[in-house]
Amino acid sequence: MEQRLFLAACVMYAFTLATRYLKKKNKLSSPAAFAKWHASFLFVILSCAAYLLWFVMGGGTGEPVGAGKIILSILVAAGCSVYGYAHAKKADDKKKETLMKADLEWSNTVYFAGFVASIVMFFFIQAFKIPSASMHNTLLEGDHLFVNKAAYGFRIPLTNIRFGQMRDIQPGDIVIFRFPAKDRQQQNCGGSQYGKDFVKRVIAMPGDTVQVINGRPWVNGKELPLQPYELYEDIEREAYEEPQDLDQYQAVWEAHQLDNYLGLYLRDSFGPVVVPDDTYFVMGDNRDNSCDSRFWGPVPRENIKGRAWFIHWPFKRIGLIK
């Protein structure tokens, strides 16, 4: 979301600079030139608004915007632009000055707010909407929450360098992360997850050995104690069977391809694998209905955006996340 805000702010800032340049060069004095400029402004600002709106309504999870929404946005922006063109072409000099002043004020407001919001969201807090049932009953579908992006350190933009870390990632933390896929062709859990944000709970740390036996997680040879937040269904389990070639199993798992070979079997019978350096093993609290590290591998440290912090909607569920 922060990248989209920053991009929209840059577009509006560039438009503002271009407008000031054209005005200084007296390029907007004719009715036709001014009308084209005003129509262009409406199209640009409405397109930026739609660009952000559809992402926010999608919950900030990185889901692609459908073709229908894109077409609707273009039609609305184009329609308003045509109306703006006709209105501006009839304007007298006083009306032109009023329109230009109002347009520039809107442009300045948008790019300034966009820059400030993108900085806040990049370094401190980001809004997130729970898209699935994988974290029941801790987080429910439709929950709106804030992510503490400063908890594990501030990340320098366009790098993986962090500073000012407040705490280490620990087992039991609920983290938001970008799905570990390097291209759109990678298939996991029934489709491409490229670019999407996931929310899961950290189960194991770098260097830990992880297994899942009868649906229950084991770390370093010991079954983890059952926690109140874990949710299991009363179903028949697949019997655990250790892989014959552990090295190949580990390699395929690290390559995020294990679910393409073993599918749902991994829900109940998984591992052992060793969590690589600078990566983490995560699972959903709804253990039998979660697409997680059992299926698609470890989460690199660089993909983790922050820690789930506070539910702010719906009203009856407001509170800190544990």
Protein backbone atom coordinates (compact mmCIF):
# COMPACT_ATOMS: atom_id res chain seq x y z
CA MET A 1 0.00 0.00 0.00
CA GLU A 2 2.79 2.44 0.88
CA GLN A 3 4.37 1.99 -2.57
CA ARG A 4 1.04 2.78 -4.23
CA LEU A 5 0.58 5.90 -2.10
CA PHE A 6 4.10 7.06 -2.91
CA LEU A 7 3.57 6.44 -6.63
CA ALA A 8 0.27 8.36 -6.63
CA ALA A 9 1.94 11.24 -4.75
CA CYS A 10 4.79 11.31 -7.29
CA VAL A 11 2.31 11.44 -10.19
CA MET A 12 0.41 14.36 -8.64
CA TYR A 13 3.64 16.18 -7.77
CA ALA A 14 4.88 15.80 -11.36
CA PHE A 15 1.54 17.10 -12.64
CA THR A 16 1.79 20.13 -10.33
CA LEU A 17 5.31 20.94 -11.53
CA ALA A 18 4.24 20.56 -15.16
CA THR A 19 1.28 22.87 -14.59
CA ARG A 20 3.45 25.58 -13.05
CA TYR A 21 5.90 25.31 -15.93
CA LEU A 22 3.14 25.56 -18.56
CA LYS A 23 1.56 28.50 -16.77
CA LYS A 24 4.89 30.30 -16.54
CA LYS A 25 5.44 29.78 -20.28
CA ASN A 26 1.90 31.04 -20.98
CA LYS A 27 0.92 27.75 -22.60
CA LEU A 28 -2.51 27.56 -20.96
CA SER A 29 -3.92 30.91 -22.03
CA SER A 30 -6.10 29.69 -24.92
CA PRO A 31 -9.53 28.17 -24.11
CA ALA A 32 -8.67 24.86 -25.83
CA ALA A 33 -5.31 24.48 -24.06
CA PHE A 34 -6.80 25.27 -20.67
CA ALA A 35 -9.71 22.89 -21.23
CA LYS A 36 -7.32 20.08 -22.18
CA TRP A 37 -5.25 20.76 -19.08
CA HIS A 38 -8.30 20.74 -16.78
CA ALA A 39 -9.60 17.53 -18.36
CA SER A 40 -6.17 15.93 -17.94
CA PHE A 41 -6.09 16.94 -14.28
CA LEU A 42 -9.46 15.31 -13.62
CA PHE A 43 -8.43 12.11 -15.37
CA VAL A 44 -5.11 11.90 -13.48
CA ILE A 45 -6.46 12.61 -10.00
CA LEU A 46 -9.47 10.31 -10.40
CA SER A 47 -7.27 7.52 -11.78
CA CYS A 48 -4.93 7.86 -8.78
CA ALA A 49 -7.92 7.79 -6.42
CA ALA A 50 -9.30 4.64 -8.06
CA TYR A 51 -5.84 3.04 -8.01
CA LEU A 52 -5.73 3.45 -4.23
CA LEU A 53 -9.43 2.79 -3.59
CA TRP A 54 -9.51 -0.66 -5.13
CA PHE A 55 -6.40 -1.67 -3.24
CA VAL A 56 -7.81 -0.46 0.10
CA MET A 57 -11.14 -2.20 -0.54
CA GLY A 58 -9.20 -5.37 -1.29
CA GLY A 59 -7.79 -5.25 2.23
CA GLY A 60 -4.21 -4.43 1.31
CA THR A 61 -3.38 -8.07 0.65
CA GLY A 62 -2.00 -7.63 -2.85
CA GLU A 63 -4.90 -9.25 -4.69
CA PRO A 64 -4.90 -8.19 -8.36
CA VAL A 65 -7.58 -5.70 -9.41
CA GLY A 66 -10.11 -7.27 -11.76
CA ALA A 67 -10.60 -6.09 -15.34
CA GLY A 68 -14.15 -4.95 -14.54
CA LYS A 69 -12.93 -2.54 -11.85
CA ILE A 70 -10.22 -1.19 -14.12
CA ILE A 71 -12.69 -0.57 -16.96
CA LEU A 72 -15.19 1.07 -14.57
CA SER A 73 -12.46 3.36 -13.19
CA ILE A 74 -11.35 4.39 -16.69
CA LEU A 75 -14.93 5.09 -17.80
CA VAL A 76 -15.67 7.23 -14.72
CA ALA A 77 -12.41 9.16 -15.04
CA ALA A 78 -12.91 9.64 -18.78
CA GLY A 79 -16.53 10.76 -18.32
CA CYS A 80 -15.57 13.35 -15.72
CA SER A 81 -12.74 14.53 -17.96
CA VAL A 82 -15.08 15.06 -20.90
CA TYR A 83 -17.47 17.02 -18.71
CA GLY A 84 -14.56 19.03 -17.28
CA TYR A 85 -13.28 19.80 -20.78
CA ALA A 86 -16.63 21.16 -21.91
CA HIS A 87 -17.05 23.18 -18.71
CA ALA A 88 -13.53 24.65 -18.81
CA LYS A 89 -13.68 25.59 -22.50
CA LYS A 90 -16.61 27.93 -21.81
CA ALA A 91 -14.94 29.57 -18.80
CA ASP A 92 -13.92 33.21 -18.85
CA ASP A 93 -10.53 34.39 -17.54
CA LYS A 94 -11.79 34.81 -13.97
CA LYS A 95 -13.38 31.37 -13.98
CA LYS A 96 -10.19 29.85 -15.44
CA GLU A 97 -8.15 31.32 -12.62
CA THR A 98 -10.59 29.94 -10.05
CA LEU A 99 -10.54 26.48 -11.62
CA MET A 100 -6.76 26.38 -11.85
CA LYS A 101 -6.35 27.52 -8.25
CA ALA A 102 -8.78 24.85 -7.04
CA ASP A 103 -7.11 22.13 -9.14
CA LEU A 104 -3.64 23.02 -7.88
CA GLU A 105 -4.88 23.08 -4.28
CA TRP A 106 -6.28 19.58 -4.73
CA SER A 107 -3.06 18.43 -6.37
CA ASN A 108 -0.92 19.90 -3.59
CA THR A 109 -3.14 18.31 -0.94
CA VAL A 110 -3.02 14.89 -2.60
CA TYR A 111 0.71 14.72 -3.15
CA PHE A 112 1.56 16.11 0.30
CA ALA A 113 -0.85 13.74 2.06
CA GLY A 114 0.40 10.87 -0.11
CA PHE A 115 4.04 11.49 0.75
CA VAL A 116 3.31 11.79 4.48
CA ALA A 117 1.04 8.73 4.57
CA SER A 118 3.48 6.59 2.58
CA ILE A 119 6.32 7.47 4.96
CA VAL A 120 4.17 6.63 8.00
CA MET A 121 3.04 3.36 6.45
CA PHE A 122 6.50 2.38 5.27
CA PHE A 123 8.19 2.90 8.62
CA PHE A 124 5.55 2.72 11.36
CA ILE A 125 1.99 1.44 10.88
CA GLN A 126 0.06 -0.22 8.07
CA ALA A 127 -3.60 -1.16 7.85
CA PHE A 128 -4.47 -4.74 6.91
CA LYS A 129 -7.69 -6.69 6.40
CA ILE A 130 -7.90 -10.42 7.14
CA PRO A 131 -8.86 -12.14 3.86
CA SER A 132 -9.35 -15.76 4.94
CA ALA A 133 -10.18 -18.15 7.78
CA SER A 134 -6.62 -19.44 8.26
CA MET A 135 -6.11 -17.58 11.57
CA HIS A 136 -9.41 -18.50 13.27
CA ASN A 137 -10.19 -17.91 16.05
CA THR A 138 -7.49 -15.34 16.76
CA LEU A 139 -8.25 -13.30 13.64
CA LEU A 140 -11.53 -13.58 11.75
CA GLU A 141 -12.34 -12.91 8.13
CA GLY A 142 -13.06 -9.22 7.72
CA ASP A 143 -11.09 -8.09 10.78
CA HIS A 144 -9.31 -4.79 10.16
CA LEU A 145 -6.05 -4.44 12.02
CA PHE A 146 -2.94 -2.31 12.33
CA VAL A 147 0.49 -3.79 11.70
CA ASN A 148 3.41 -2.52 13.77
CA LYS A 149 6.12 -2.15 11.13
CA ALA A 150 8.66 -0.71 13.58
CA ALA A 151 8.60 -3.73 15.91
CA TYR A 152 11.39 -5.59 14.10
CA GLY A 153 13.31 -2.50 12.98
CA PHE A 154 12.95 0.24 10.38
CA ARG A 155 13.80 -0.84 6.84
CA ILE A 156 15.65 1.54 4.55
CA PRO A 157 13.58 1.93 1.35
CA LEU A 158 14.65 -0.22 -1.62
CA THR A 159 17.03 -2.24 0.59
CA ASN A 160 16.86 -5.04 3.15
CA ILE A 161 18.87 -3.02 5.68
CA ARG A 162 17.13 -2.51 9.03
CA PHE A 163 17.96 -0.38 12.05
CA GLY A 164 16.41 0.54 15.40
CA GLN A 165 15.07 -2.96 16.11
CA MET A 166 12.82 -2.95 19.19
CA ARG A 167 12.59 -6.72 19.60
CA ASP A 168 13.53 -9.98 17.89
CA ILE A 169 11.06 -12.14 16.05
CA GLN A 170 9.95 -14.84 18.49
CA PRO A 171 7.93 -18.07 18.33
CA GLY A 172 4.29 -17.18 18.84
CA ASP A 173 4.48 -13.80 17.10
CA ILE A 174 1.79 -13.12 14.50
CA VAL A 175 3.52 -11.57 11.50
CA ILE A 176 2.50 -9.99 8.22
CA PHE A 177 4.74 -10.89 5.30
CA ARG A 178 4.99 -10.79 1.54
CA PHE A 179 4.48 -14.28 0.14
CA PRO A 180 7.85 -15.88 -0.76
CA ALA A 181 7.39 -16.11 -4.52
CA LYS A 182 9.90 -14.63 -6.95
CA ASP A 183 7.70 -14.81 -10.05
CA ARG A 184 4.03 -14.99 -10.98
CA GLN A 185 4.41 -18.49 -12.44
CA GLN A 186 5.07 -20.05 -9.02
CA GLN A 187 2.00 -22.05 -8.02
CA ASN A 188 1.09 -22.74 -4.39
CA CYS A 189 -2.12 -23.76 -2.67
CA GLY A 190 -4.13 -23.79 -5.87
CA GLY A 191 -2.77 -20.72 -7.66
CA SER A 192 -0.27 -17.90 -7.83
CA GLN A 193 0.28 -16.09 -4.53
CA TYR A 194 2.87 -13.70 -5.98
CA GLY A 195 2.84 -10.22 -4.42
CA LYS A 196 0.19 -11.04 -1.81
CA ASP A 197 0.50 -10.31 1.90
CA PHE A 198 -0.10 -13.19 4.32
CA VAL A 199 -0.64 -13.30 8.08
CA LYS A 200 0.53 -16.32 10.12
CA ARG A 201 2.04 -17.23 13.48
CA VAL A 202 5.75 -17.97 13.87
CA ILE A 203 6.28 -21.59 14.93
CA ALA A 204 10.01 -22.17 14.50
CA MET A 205 13.20 -20.15 14.22
CA PRO A 206 16.26 -20.39 11.96
CA GLY A 207 18.11 -23.65 12.63
CA ASP A 208 15.14 -25.42 14.22
CA THR A 209 14.04 -28.85 13.02
CA VAL A 210 10.32 -28.99 12.27
CA GLN A 211 7.91 -31.89 11.80
CA VAL A 212 4.14 -32.20 11.72
CA ILE A 213 2.85 -35.50 13.09
CA ASN A 214 -0.89 -36.24 13.11
CA GLY A 215 -1.47 -32.56 12.38
CA ARG A 216 0.50 -31.36 15.43
CA PRO A 217 3.77 -29.35 15.11
CA TRP A 218 7.00 -30.71 16.58
CA VAL A 219 10.13 -28.57 16.98
CA ASN A 220 13.56 -30.05 17.70
CA GLY A 221 12.09 -33.45 18.46
CA LYS A 222 9.42 -32.26 20.91
CA GLU A 223 5.72 -31.76 20.36
CA LEU A 224 4.74 -28.17 21.04
CA PRO A 225 2.27 -27.70 23.91
CA LEU A 226 -1.32 -27.25 22.76
CA GLN A 227 -2.25 -23.56 22.89
CA PRO A 228 -5.72 -22.02 23.42
CA TYR A 229 -5.54 -20.26 20.05
CA GLU A 230 -5.04 -23.47 18.03
CA LEU A 231 -8.08 -24.74 16.15
CA TYR A 232 -8.38 -28.34 14.88
CA GLU A 233 -11.17 -30.26 13.20
CA ASP A 234 -12.30 -33.70 14.28
CA ILE A 235 -11.15 -35.53 11.15
CA GLU A 236 -9.28 -38.67 10.19
CA ARG A 237 -5.53 -38.01 10.01
CA GLU A 238 -2.92 -39.19 7.55
CA ALA A 239 -0.38 -41.46 9.25
CA TYR A 240 3.05 -39.86 9.59
CA GLU A 241 5.76 -41.28 7.35
CA GLU A 242 9.30 -39.94 7.27
CA PRO A 243 10.59 -39.16 3.75
CA GLN A 244 13.10 -41.60 2.30
CA ASP A 245 15.37 -38.90 0.83
CA LEU A 246 15.57 -36.11 3.41
CA ASP A 247 18.01 -34.00 1.37
CA GLN A 248 15.71 -33.91 -1.65
CA TYR A 249 12.68 -33.28 0.57
CA GLN A 250 14.49 -30.33 2.17
CA ALA A 251 15.54 -28.93 -1.21
CA VAL A 252 12.04 -29.11 -2.71
CA TRP A 253 10.56 -27.54 0.43
CA GLU A 254 13.07 -24.66 0.37
CA ALA A 255 12.23 -24.14 -3.32
CA HIS A 256 8.56 -23.58 -2.28
CA GLN A 257 7.34 -26.50 -4.38
CA LEU A 258 6.54 -29.27 -1.87
CA ASP A 259 2.77 -28.82 -2.04
CA ASN A 260 2.86 -29.43 -5.79
CA TYR A 261 4.07 -32.97 -5.05
CA LEU A 262 2.34 -33.94 -1.80
CA GLY A 263 -0.67 -31.62 -1.60
CA LEU A 264 -3.07 -31.95 1.32
CA TYR A 265 -1.04 -34.84 2.76
CA LEU A 266 1.29 -32.18 4.23
CA ARG A 267 -1.46 -30.97 6.55
CA ASP A 268 -0.99 -34.01 8.82
CA SER A 269 2.40 -35.44 7.87
CA PHE A 270 5.34 -33.16 7.23
CA GLY A 271 9.11 -33.08 7.65
CA PRO A 272 11.54 -33.23 9.19
CA VAL A 273 13.10 -30.09 7.69
CA VAL A 274 15.65 -27.64 9.07
CA VAL A 275 14.60 -23.99 8.91
CA PRO A 276 17.34 -22.20 6.90
CA ASP A 277 19.28 -19.20 8.19
CA ASP A 278 17.36 -15.89 8.13
CA THR A 279 14.02 -17.63 7.54
CA TYR A 280 11.06 -18.66 9.70
CA PHE A 281 8.48 -21.45 9.80
CA VAL A 282 4.92 -20.12 10.11
CA MET A 283 1.47 -21.70 10.47
CA GLY A 284 -2.11 -20.51 10.68
CA ASP A 285 -3.95 -20.94 13.98
CA ASN A 286 -6.70 -22.76 12.07
CA ARG A 287 -4.31 -25.67 11.58
CA ASP A 288 -6.46 -27.79 9.27
CA ASN A 289 -7.43 -24.89 7.00
CA SER A 290 -4.25 -22.93 6.49
CA CYS A 291 -1.95 -22.55 3.50
CA ASP A 292 1.35 -22.13 5.36
CA SER A 293 5.00 -23.19 5.63
CA ARG A 294 4.07 -26.85 5.56
CA PHE A 295 3.01 -26.39 1.95
CA TRP A 296 5.16 -23.62 0.50
CA GLY A 297 8.29 -23.39 2.60
CA PRO A 298 10.09 -20.93 4.88
CA VAL A 299 9.52 -17.17 5.07
CA PRO A 300 12.68 -15.08 4.50
CA ARG A 301 13.37 -12.40 7.09
CA GLU A 302 13.34 -9.74 4.36
CA ASN A 303 9.72 -10.60 3.49
CA ILE A 304 8.39 -9.92 7.00
CA LYS A 305 6.77 -6.48 7.12
CA GLY A 306 5.79 -6.29 10.76
CA ARG A 307 3.88 -7.69 13.71
CA ALA A 308 0.08 -7.82 13.94
CA TRP A 309 -0.72 -5.33 16.65
CA PHE A 310 -4.31 -4.07 17.08
CA ILE A 311 -7.79 -4.87 15.72
CA HIS A 312 -9.63 -1.60 15.07
CA TRP A 313 -12.74 -2.96 13.34
CA PRO A 314 -15.38 -4.37 13.80
CA PHE A 315 -16.18 -2.47 16.95
CA LYS A 316 -16.98 -5.53 19.07
CA ARG A 317 -13.53 -7.02 18.35
CA ILE A 318 -11.39 -3.95 19.06
CA GLY A 319 -8.31 -4.87 21.06
CA LEU A 320 -4.66 -5.91 21.10
CA ILE A 321 -3.70 -9.07 19.22
CA LYS A 322 -2.05 -11.89 21.13
